[in-house]
Every structure is written in structure tokens, then in C-alpha cells.
Protein backbone atom coordinates (compact mmCIF):
# COMPACT_ATOMS: atom_id res chain seq x y z
CA UNK A 1 10.83 75.52 -73.64
CA UNK A 2 10.49 73.45 -70.50
CA UNK A 3 12.07 70.16 -69.63
CA UNK A 4 9.05 68.22 -70.85
CA UNK A 5 9.18 69.89 -74.25
CA UNK A 6 12.89 69.23 -74.57
CA UNK A 7 12.38 65.61 -73.58
CA UNK A 8 9.59 65.13 -76.10
CA UNK A 9 11.70 66.69 -78.85
CA UNK A 10 14.61 64.41 -77.96
CA UNK A 11 12.39 61.31 -77.99
CA UNK A 12 10.88 62.37 -81.32
CA UNK A 13 14.32 62.89 -82.82
CA UNK A 14 15.48 59.57 -81.47
CA UNK A 15 12.48 57.79 -83.00
CA UNK A 16 12.98 59.48 -86.38
CA UNK A 17 16.69 58.61 -86.34
CA UNK A 18 15.98 55.00 -85.43
CA UNK A 19 13.39 54.72 -88.19
CA UNK A 20 15.74 56.25 -90.76
CA UNK A 21 18.54 53.90 -89.71
CA UNK A 22 16.26 50.90 -89.93
CA UNK A 23 15.00 51.84 -93.37
CA UNK A 24 18.56 52.48 -94.56
CA UNK A 25 19.72 49.11 -93.28
CA UNK A 26 16.81 47.38 -94.98
CA UNK A 27 17.52 49.08 -98.28
CA UNK A 28 21.13 47.90 -98.15
CA UNK A 29 20.30 44.37 -96.95
CA UNK A 30 20.92 41.47 -99.34
CA UNK A 31 17.34 40.32 -99.83
CA UNK A 32 14.61 40.60 -102.42
CA UNK A 33 12.97 43.92 -103.17
CA UNK A 34 9.49 42.57 -102.46
CA UNK A 35 10.53 41.38 -99.02
CA UNK A 36 12.25 44.69 -98.26
CA UNK A 37 9.18 46.66 -99.37
CA UNK A 38 7.00 44.47 -97.17
CA UNK A 39 9.23 45.11 -94.18
CA UNK A 40 9.26 48.86 -94.81
CA UNK A 41 5.47 48.88 -95.19
CA UNK A 42 5.16 46.99 -91.91
CA UNK A 43 7.42 49.51 -90.16
CA UNK A 44 5.46 52.46 -91.56
CA UNK A 45 2.16 50.87 -90.54
CA UNK A 46 3.48 50.28 -87.02
CA UNK A 47 4.72 53.87 -86.79
CA UNK A 48 1.39 55.22 -88.02
CA UNK A 49 -0.51 53.13 -85.47
CA UNK A 50 1.82 54.29 -82.69
CA UNK A 51 1.22 57.90 -83.76
CA UNK A 52 -2.54 57.42 -83.76
CA UNK A 53 -2.38 55.83 -80.31
CA UNK A 54 -0.28 58.72 -79.01
CA UNK A 55 -2.85 61.14 -80.44
CA UNK A 56 -5.72 59.31 -78.73
CA UNK A 57 -3.81 59.30 -75.43
CA UNK A 58 -3.09 63.02 -75.68
CA UNK A 59 -6.73 63.78 -76.53
CA UNK A 60 -7.86 61.86 -73.42
CA UNK A 61 -5.28 63.70 -71.32
CA UNK A 62 -6.43 67.10 -72.59
CA UNK A 63 -10.10 66.17 -72.13
CA UNK A 64 -9.42 65.17 -68.53
CA UNK A 65 -7.51 68.42 -67.91
CA UNK A 66 -10.34 70.47 -69.43
CA UNK A 67 -12.94 68.67 -67.30
CA UNK A 68 -10.89 69.36 -64.16
CA UNK A 69 -10.66 73.07 -65.02
CA UNK A 70 -14.41 73.29 -65.60
CA UNK A 71 -15.13 71.52 -62.30
CA UNK A 72 -12.80 73.85 -60.40
CA UNK A 73 -14.48 76.92 -61.89
CA UNK A 74 -17.96 75.73 -60.94
CA UNK A 75 -16.90 74.69 -57.42
CA UNK A 76 -15.48 78.18 -56.86
CA UNK A 77 -18.76 79.73 -57.96
CA UNK A 78 -17.31 81.14 -61.17
CA UNK A 79 -19.05 80.74 -64.48
């Protein structure tokens, strides 16, 4: 695994750890259950939206890479 893969795994682990710590702190916080559930739902919604945005960004990146590869092949006279 290259440096990019290791970095992405580290960042993913860091994000999961931060989310777990946040949820744990909220569950132990002295506030109402309804408020805590609302905060957890908000965190989950934010995480889901961030994941969807990351997916869209990666799809655009891969599409651009694919288009470059196709252009290179046709410029070289390959089909």
C-alpha cells in the first residue's frame, strides 16, 4: 500500500475515532435524551453528507482521469 493509501486509512480512522468520541461524550452528557438524540442525528446527517460529497468528488476525479487516458490513446493513434 502506498503513502496515499496509508494516509487515507489514517484519516478515515481518525474521523471514525472522533465521531465515536463525540457520540460517547454526548451520551454521557447531562442533558435531555431528546436533545442528545437530535445532536447525534445532526452529526450522522453531517457525516453522511460529507461522505456523499467525497463520493461525488472521487467520481469527478476518476471521470477526469478516464477522459485523459482516452484522449492520450486517440492522440497516439491507438484505438
